[in-house]
Each structure stands twice: as C-alpha cells, then as structure tokens.
Amino acid sequence: MSTYQTEEEQVEALKKWWKENGRSVIAGVVIGLLVVGGGKGWIEYNRIQAENASSFYEGFSQAAVEGDLEKALKRGEALIQEYRRSTYARFAALELARLQYEAGEKDKARERLQWVVENASDEGLAQLARVRLARLALDTGALDEAERLAGTPAGDAWEGEFLSIRAEIKLARGDREGARKDLAEALAKGVSTPALVRMKLAELGG
C-alpha cells in the first residue's frame, strides 16, 4: 500500500477547515494581541503576514498540481522559510513530502514529515504527519521505527490508522494472527480506506 494512498480525506478536511476558519482564527489571535498589548501596527503586520502566506501557498499549490517539482520545491521552501510559523507552511511541508516521496527522495520526504510532527501547532496535522512517517518507515523496511511511531498513543480519530500500520508491521514479521486482530480492530475504529482493510482482513481469514 502506497504511503500516500491513504489519509487524503483527513488532509483535505483539514485544508477545508483552515480555508473556512483560517481568517477567523487569525482574527481571534489578533484581537487577543490587541487586548493584551494593543498596537495597530502589530495587528496590521499580522494581517499582512497572513495574506502573504496565503498568496505564497496558492502559488506553491498551483506548481504542485501542475507537477512542476522544481518550481514547487522553490516556492514551498520560500514559504516555509518566510512563514514557518504559519499553518500554510505545514501544509506545504506535507505536500513537499509527498512530491519528494514520489520522486524517489524518501530521505527528504522523511525530513519534511518529521518537521511537521515537531512544529505543527494543530494536533490533526501532527498526527497525519506521524501516520505518513510510520508508513514511510514501513515502506523502507524500517520496522522498528514504524513500530515506535505507530505505537505512540493517538486520539480516537487516528487510532484506526495506527492499528492498520501495526497490522502491516506484524504481517511483515510473520505474525498473521496478530495482524488479523489489529486489522479487525482498525476497521471497527475507523480508517480512511475501509475497503482495502477488509480485503486484507479477508486474505488473513478474518
């Protein structure tokens, strides 16, 4: 199973949420800053920064959609360097990881995902990056690393994904019964690709 054939619904939902609520979140932060410290200049600065980060992301996203890896890398790097504290930078890093993974640059993809895990202020983005890191480790045969990443406690919304990864790890180690149990539990918890999990579970006699 490809590292990037899952979780698309989650990341799209996160993007949609940020598109719909990003401005209000920024507004809330700005208002809070006004209450605490005041200063129209600081408010204006934050507004401009948010708008610039959004514009950078649109340019990066367009290059990624067009499949222009060189341009996407250039724009994505610029966005991350200039606006590294923004949510747009995290989304860009996730997308850059996907592009570099597909280009065969798995070590660089891993670095991108690790950066998101360490820097994401949104728990959903951090968990998504960790899921992808675990799948990437599994894909490259780093089973111990994949097990460590998938074994860290996760919220209910992500537990199914990590269970499915733990099932893959057990299967790679020859534990078919353990894999079957984890797949069944993952299906019960909820996963982004239930049809695929059911197929694997059927293959294991579940």
C-alpha atoms as a PDB file:
ATOM      1  CA  MET A   1       0.000   0.000   0.000  1.00  0.00           C
ATOM      2  CA  SER A   2       1.441   3.356  -1.024  1.00  0.00           C
ATOM      3  CA  THR A   3       2.317   5.758   1.736  1.00  0.00           C
ATOM      4  CA  TYR A   4       0.155   8.386   0.084  1.00  0.00           C
ATOM      5  CA  GLN A   5      -2.912   6.344  -0.926  1.00  0.00           C
ATOM      6  CA  THR A   6      -4.478   6.929   2.490  1.00  0.00           C
ATOM      7  CA  GLU A   7      -5.371   9.866   4.743  1.00  0.00           C
ATOM      8  CA  GLU A   8      -6.330  12.140   1.804  1.00  0.00           C
ATOM      9  CA  GLU A   9      -9.784  12.655   3.292  1.00  0.00           C
ATOM     10  CA  GLN A  10      -8.237  13.831   6.554  1.00  0.00           C
ATOM     11  CA  VAL A  11      -5.823  16.279   4.962  1.00  0.00           C
ATOM     12  CA  GLU A  12      -8.489  17.626   2.624  1.00  0.00           C
ATOM     13  CA  ALA A  13     -10.782  18.106   5.598  1.00  0.00           C
ATOM     14  CA  LEU A  14      -8.025  19.964   7.427  1.00  0.00           C
ATOM     15  CA  LYS A  15      -7.398  22.172   4.411  1.00  0.00           C
ATOM     16  CA  LYS A  16     -11.110  22.847   4.062  1.00  0.00           C
ATOM     17  CA  TRP A  17     -11.374  23.707   7.763  1.00  0.00           C
ATOM     18  CA  TRP A  18      -8.447  26.097   7.541  1.00  0.00           C
ATOM     19  CA  LYS A  19      -9.863  27.714   4.394  1.00  0.00           C
ATOM     20  CA  GLU A  20     -13.206  28.228   6.099  1.00  0.00           C
ATOM     21  CA  ASN A  21     -11.892  29.168   9.538  1.00  0.00           C
ATOM     22  CA  GLY A  22      -8.367  30.437   8.995  1.00  0.00           C
ATOM     23  CA  ARG A  23      -9.350  34.064   8.798  1.00  0.00           C
ATOM     24  CA  SER A  24     -11.427  33.857  11.957  1.00  0.00           C
ATOM     25  CA  VAL A  25      -8.584  32.100  13.782  1.00  0.00           C
ATOM     26  CA  ILE A  26      -6.158  34.806  12.709  1.00  0.00           C
ATOM     27  CA  ALA A  27      -8.695  37.456  13.677  1.00  0.00           C
ATOM     28  CA  GLY A  28      -9.037  35.864  17.115  1.00  0.00           C
ATOM     29  CA  VAL A  29      -5.291  35.889  17.621  1.00  0.00           C
ATOM     30  CA  VAL A  30      -5.078  39.491  16.502  1.00  0.00           C
ATOM     31  CA  ILE A  31      -7.899  40.538  18.815  1.00  0.00           C
ATOM     32  CA  GLY A  32      -6.203  38.720  21.680  1.00  0.00           C
ATOM     33  CA  LEU A  33      -2.971  40.550  20.972  1.00  0.00           C
ATOM     34  CA  LEU A  34      -4.850  43.825  20.898  1.00  0.00           C
ATOM     35  CA  VAL A  35      -6.422  43.109  24.288  1.00  0.00           C
ATOM     36  CA  VAL A  36      -3.109  42.099  25.830  1.00  0.00           C
ATOM     37  CA  GLY A  37      -0.692  44.533  24.300  1.00  0.00           C
ATOM     38  CA  GLY A  38      -2.516  46.805  21.906  1.00  0.00           C
ATOM     39  CA  GLY A  39      -0.948  48.430  18.912  1.00  0.00           C
ATOM     40  CA  LYS A  40      -2.476  48.886  15.453  1.00  0.00           C
ATOM     41  CA  GLY A  41       0.911  48.393  13.836  1.00  0.00           C
ATOM     42  CA  TRP A  42       1.232  44.867  15.224  1.00  0.00           C
ATOM     43  CA  ILE A  43      -2.284  43.989  14.080  1.00  0.00           C
ATOM     44  CA  GLU A  44      -1.584  45.266  10.584  1.00  0.00           C
ATOM     45  CA  TYR A  45       1.691  43.342  10.478  1.00  0.00           C
ATOM     46  CA  ASN A  46      -0.051  40.066  11.355  1.00  0.00           C
ATOM     47  CA  ARG A  47      -2.778  40.671   8.789  1.00  0.00           C
ATOM     48  CA  ILE A  48      -0.214  41.270   6.049  1.00  0.00           C
ATOM     49  CA  GLN A  49       1.799  38.220   7.092  1.00  0.00           C
ATOM     50  CA  ALA A  50      -1.299  36.018   6.917  1.00  0.00           C
ATOM     51  CA  GLU A  51      -2.256  37.345   3.488  1.00  0.00           C
ATOM     52  CA  ASN A  52       1.285  36.911   2.168  1.00  0.00           C
ATOM     53  CA  ALA A  53       1.491  33.345   3.465  1.00  0.00           C
ATOM     54  CA  SER A  54      -1.830  32.553   1.788  1.00  0.00           C
ATOM     55  CA  SER A  55      -0.595  34.013  -1.504  1.00  0.00           C
ATOM     56  CA  PHE A  56       2.659  32.026  -1.279  1.00  0.00           C
ATOM     57  CA  TYR A  57       0.693  28.847  -0.653  1.00  0.00           C
ATOM     58  CA  GLU A  58      -1.564  29.398  -3.646  1.00  0.00           C
ATOM     59  CA  GLY A  59       1.481  29.735  -5.905  1.00  0.00           C
ATOM     60  CA  PHE A  60       3.088  26.656  -4.410  1.00  0.00           C
ATOM     61  CA  SER A  61      -0.118  24.628  -4.664  1.00  0.00           C
ATOM     62  CA  GLN A  62      -0.516  25.548  -8.343  1.00  0.00           C
ATOM     63  CA  ALA A  63       3.019  24.356  -9.110  1.00  0.00           C
ATOM     64  CA  ALA A  64       2.359  21.109  -7.246  1.00  0.00           C
ATOM     65  CA  VAL A  65      -0.876  20.495  -9.163  1.00  0.00           C
ATOM     66  CA  GLU A  66       0.951  21.098 -12.432  1.00  0.00           C
ATOM     67  CA  GLY A  67       3.576  18.532 -11.427  1.00  0.00           C
ATOM     68  CA  ASP A  68       6.415  21.044 -11.693  1.00  0.00           C
ATOM     69  CA  LEU A  69       8.630  19.639  -8.936  1.00  0.00           C
ATOM     70  CA  GLU A  70      11.404  22.214  -9.338  1.00  0.00           C
ATOM     71  CA  LYS A  71       9.030  25.167  -9.104  1.00  0.00           C
ATOM     72  CA  ALA A  72       7.046  23.561  -6.276  1.00  0.00           C
ATOM     73  CA  LEU A  73      10.217  22.951  -4.282  1.00  0.00           C
ATOM     74  CA  LYS A  74      11.385  26.525  -4.792  1.00  0.00           C
ATOM     75  CA  ARG A  75       8.053  28.038  -3.786  1.00  0.00           C
ATOM     76  CA  GLY A  76       7.485  25.606  -0.941  1.00  0.00           C
ATOM     77  CA  GLU A  77      10.923  26.259   0.527  1.00  0.00           C
ATOM     78  CA  ALA A  78      10.357  30.003   0.294  1.00  0.00           C
ATOM     79  CA  LEU A  79       7.017  29.678   2.077  1.00  0.00           C
ATOM     80  CA  ILE A  80       8.481  27.554   4.875  1.00  0.00           C
ATOM     81  CA  GLN A  81      11.458  29.883   5.339  1.00  0.00           C
ATOM     82  CA  GLU A  82       9.460  33.119   5.296  1.00  0.00           C
ATOM     83  CA  TYR A  83       6.333  31.988   7.148  1.00  0.00           C
ATOM     84  CA  ARG A  84       7.467  28.909   9.059  1.00  0.00           C
ATOM     85  CA  ARG A  85       5.065  29.552  11.946  1.00  0.00           C
ATOM     86  CA  SER A  86       2.010  29.588   9.697  1.00  0.00           C
ATOM     87  CA  THR A  87      -0.316  26.654   9.083  1.00  0.00           C
ATOM     88  CA  TYR A  88       0.318  27.181   5.374  1.00  0.00           C
ATOM     89  CA  ALA A  89       3.950  26.213   5.941  1.00  0.00           C
ATOM     90  CA  ARG A  90       2.839  22.897   7.495  1.00  0.00           C
ATOM     91  CA  PHE A  91       0.535  22.136   4.584  1.00  0.00           C
ATOM     92  CA  ALA A  92       3.354  22.977   2.170  1.00  0.00           C
ATOM     93  CA  ALA A  93       5.748  20.647   4.010  1.00  0.00           C
ATOM     94  CA  LEU A  94       3.211  17.804   3.838  1.00  0.00           C
ATOM     95  CA  GLU A  95       2.764  18.323   0.112  1.00  0.00           C
ATOM     96  CA  LEU A  96       6.511  18.628  -0.480  1.00  0.00           C
ATOM     97  CA  ALA A  97       6.980  15.336   1.360  1.00  0.00           C
ATOM     98  CA  ARG A  98       4.504  13.678  -0.998  1.00  0.00           C
ATOM     99  CA  LEU A  99       6.177  15.125  -4.093  1.00  0.00           C
ATOM    100  CA  GLN A 100       9.654  14.137  -2.945  1.00  0.00           C
ATOM    101  CA  TYR A 101       8.470  10.655  -1.970  1.00  0.00           C
ATOM    102  CA  GLU A 102       7.020  10.155  -5.443  1.00  0.00           C
ATOM    103  CA  ALA A 103      10.279  11.435  -6.935  1.00  0.00           C
ATOM    104  CA  GLY A 104      12.179   8.760  -5.016  1.00  0.00           C
ATOM    105  CA  GLU A 105      13.642  11.191  -2.487  1.00  0.00           C
ATOM    106  CA  LYS A 106      12.422   9.276   0.545  1.00  0.00           C
ATOM    107  CA  ASP A 107      15.002  10.634   2.989  1.00  0.00           C
ATOM    108  CA  LYS A 108      13.978  14.196   2.152  1.00  0.00           C
ATOM    109  CA  ALA A 109      10.312  13.247   2.436  1.00  0.00           C
ATOM    110  CA  ARG A 110      11.044  11.860   5.887  1.00  0.00           C
ATOM    111  CA  GLU A 111      12.728  15.123   6.947  1.00  0.00           C
ATOM    112  CA  ARG A 112       9.682  17.113   5.821  1.00  0.00           C
ATOM    113  CA  LEU A 113       7.276  14.925   7.751  1.00  0.00           C
ATOM    114  CA  GLN A 114       9.438  14.985  10.864  1.00  0.00           C
ATOM    115  CA  TRP A 115       9.463  18.780  10.699  1.00  0.00           C
ATOM    116  CA  VAL A 116       5.664  18.848  10.633  1.00  0.00           C
ATOM    117  CA  VAL A 117       5.473  16.450  13.597  1.00  0.00           C
ATOM    118  CA  GLU A 118       7.812  18.672  15.594  1.00  0.00           C
ATOM    119  CA  ASN A 119       6.365  22.033  14.570  1.00  0.00           C
ATOM    120  CA  ALA A 120       2.651  21.601  13.932  1.00  0.00           C
ATOM    121  CA  SER A 121       0.521  23.574  16.363  1.00  0.00           C
ATOM    122  CA  ASP A 122      -2.545  21.681  15.133  1.00  0.00           C
ATOM    123  CA  GLU A 123      -2.786  18.158  16.577  1.00  0.00           C
ATOM    124  CA  GLY A 124      -4.522  16.839  13.469  1.00  0.00           C
ATOM    125  CA  LEU A 125      -1.643  17.873  11.213  1.00  0.00           C
ATOM    126  CA  ALA A 126       0.909  16.405  13.609  1.00  0.00           C
ATOM    127  CA  GLN A 127      -0.927  13.071  13.710  1.00  0.00           C
ATOM    128  CA  LEU A 128      -1.299  12.989   9.936  1.00  0.00           C
ATOM    129  CA  ALA A 129       2.429  13.573   9.513  1.00  0.00           C
ATOM    130  CA  ARG A 130       3.170  10.813  12.033  1.00  0.00           C
ATOM    131  CA  VAL A 131       0.915   8.370  10.170  1.00  0.00           C
ATOM    132  CA  ARG A 132       2.777   9.128   6.966  1.00  0.00           C
ATOM    133  CA  LEU A 133       6.140   8.866   8.701  1.00  0.00           C
ATOM    134  CA  ALA A 134       5.182   5.431  10.010  1.00  0.00           C
ATOM    135  CA  ARG A 135       4.046   4.285   6.568  1.00  0.00           C
ATOM    136  CA  LEU A 136       7.238   5.625   5.040  1.00  0.00           C
ATOM    137  CA  ALA A 137       9.316   3.716   7.596  1.00  0.00           C
ATOM    138  CA  LEU A 138       7.294   0.587   6.836  1.00  0.00           C
ATOM    139  CA  ASP A 139       7.792   1.127   3.117  1.00  0.00           C
ATOM    140  CA  THR A 140      11.569   1.315   3.542  1.00  0.00           C
ATOM    141  CA  GLY A 141      11.726  -1.734   5.820  1.00  0.00           C
ATOM    142  CA  ALA A 142      12.486   0.232   8.993  1.00  0.00           C
ATOM    143  CA  LEU A 143      10.075  -1.861  11.053  1.00  0.00           C
ATOM    144  CA  ASP A 144      11.350  -0.800  14.471  1.00  0.00           C
ATOM    145  CA  GLU A 145      10.928   2.866  13.608  1.00  0.00           C
ATOM    146  CA  ALA A 146       7.483   2.235  12.132  1.00  0.00           C
ATOM    147  CA  GLU A 147       6.500   0.355  15.296  1.00  0.00           C
ATOM    148  CA  ARG A 148       7.701   3.201  17.504  1.00  0.00           C
ATOM    149  CA  LEU A 149       5.759   5.788  15.509  1.00  0.00           C
ATOM    150  CA  ALA A 150       2.602   3.691  15.293  1.00  0.00           C
ATOM    151  CA  GLY A 151       2.771   2.701  18.945  1.00  0.00           C
ATOM    152  CA  THR A 152       2.589   6.227  20.334  1.00  0.00           C
ATOM    153  CA  PRO A 153      -0.879   6.897  21.791  1.00  0.00           C
ATOM    154  CA  ALA A 154      -3.171   8.705  19.369  1.00  0.00           C
ATOM    155  CA  GLY A 155      -6.586  10.297  19.561  1.00  0.00           C
ATOM    156  CA  ASP A 156      -9.635   8.238  18.638  1.00  0.00           C
ATOM    157  CA  ALA A 157      -9.791   9.836  15.193  1.00  0.00           C
ATOM    158  CA  TRP A 158      -6.395   8.359  14.309  1.00  0.00           C
ATOM    159  CA  GLU A 159      -6.266   5.105  16.270  1.00  0.00           C
ATOM    160  CA  GLY A 160      -7.643   3.084  13.354  1.00  0.00           C
ATOM    161  CA  GLU A 161      -4.887   4.313  11.046  1.00  0.00           C
ATOM    162  CA  PHE A 162      -2.151   3.404  13.529  1.00  0.00           C
ATOM    163  CA  LEU A 163      -3.723  -0.014  14.153  1.00  0.00           C
ATOM    164  CA  SER A 164      -3.651  -0.732  10.428  1.00  0.00           C
ATOM    165  CA  ILE A 165       0.040   0.175  10.363  1.00  0.00           C
ATOM    166  CA  ARG A 166       0.750  -2.063  13.353  1.00  0.00           C
ATOM    167  CA  ALA A 167      -1.033  -4.842  11.481  1.00  0.00           C
ATOM    168  CA  GLU A 168       1.280  -4.346   8.492  1.00  0.00           C
ATOM    169  CA  ILE A 169       4.306  -4.490  10.788  1.00  0.00           C
ATOM    170  CA  LYS A 170       3.113  -7.759  12.362  1.00  0.00           C
ATOM    171  CA  LEU A 171       2.416  -9.222   8.964  1.00  0.00           C
ATOM    172  CA  ALA A 172       5.937  -8.295   7.813  1.00  0.00           C
ATOM    173  CA  ARG A 173       7.257 -10.154  10.858  1.00  0.00           C
ATOM    174  CA  GLY A 174       5.139 -13.230  10.165  1.00  0.00           C
ATOM    175  CA  ASP A 175       2.515 -12.689  12.849  1.00  0.00           C
ATOM    176  CA  ARG A 176      -0.610 -13.285  10.755  1.00  0.00           C
ATOM    177  CA  GLU A 177      -2.936 -13.745  13.724  1.00  0.00           C
ATOM    178  CA  GLY A 178      -1.760 -10.533  15.361  1.00  0.00           C
ATOM    179  CA  ALA A 179      -2.153  -8.710  12.054  1.00  0.00           C
ATOM    180  CA  ARG A 180      -5.680 -10.076  11.638  1.00  0.00           C
ATOM    181  CA  LYS A 181      -6.715  -8.865  15.092  1.00  0.00           C
ATOM    182  CA  ASP A 182      -5.266  -5.396  14.530  1.00  0.00           C
ATOM    183  CA  LEU A 183      -6.961  -5.071  11.137  1.00  0.00           C
ATOM    184  CA  ALA A 184     -10.309  -6.075  12.617  1.00  0.00           C
ATOM    185  CA  GLU A 185      -9.901  -3.513  15.386  1.00  0.00           C
ATOM    186  CA  ALA A 186      -8.746  -0.851  12.906  1.00  0.00           C
ATOM    187  CA  LEU A 187     -11.884  -1.434  10.863  1.00  0.00           C
ATOM    188  CA  ALA A 188     -14.012  -1.072  13.977  1.00  0.00           C
ATOM    189  CA  LYS A 189     -12.220   2.134  14.990  1.00  0.00           C
ATOM    190  CA  GLY A 190     -12.461   3.638  11.513  1.00  0.00           C
ATOM    191  CA  VAL A 191      -9.888   4.000   8.733  1.00  0.00           C
ATOM    192  CA  SER A 192      -9.615   6.120   5.594  1.00  0.00           C
ATOM    193  CA  THR A 193      -9.538   3.035   3.315  1.00  0.00           C
ATOM    194  CA  PRO A 194     -12.042   0.531   4.787  1.00  0.00           C
ATOM    195  CA  ALA A 195     -12.381  -1.450   1.529  1.00  0.00           C
ATOM    196  CA  LEU A 196      -8.630  -2.095   1.443  1.00  0.00           C
ATOM    197  CA  VAL A 197      -8.566  -3.129   5.106  1.00  0.00           C
ATOM    198  CA  ARG A 198     -11.497  -5.507   4.534  1.00  0.00           C
ATOM    199  CA  MET A 199      -9.667  -7.063   1.595  1.00  0.00           C
ATOM    200  CA  LYS A 200      -6.529  -7.635   3.670  1.00  0.00           C
ATOM    201  CA  LEU A 201      -8.593  -8.973   6.534  1.00  0.00           C
ATOM    202  CA  ALA A 202     -10.298 -11.440   4.167  1.00  0.00           C
ATOM    203  CA  GLU A 203      -6.896 -12.589   2.917  1.00  0.00           C
ATOM    204  CA  LEU A 204      -5.964 -13.349   6.526  1.00  0.00           C
ATOM    205  CA  GLY A 205      -9.187 -15.252   7.138  1.00  0.00           C
ATOM    206  CA  GLY A 206     -10.965 -12.507   9.027  1.00  0.00           C
END
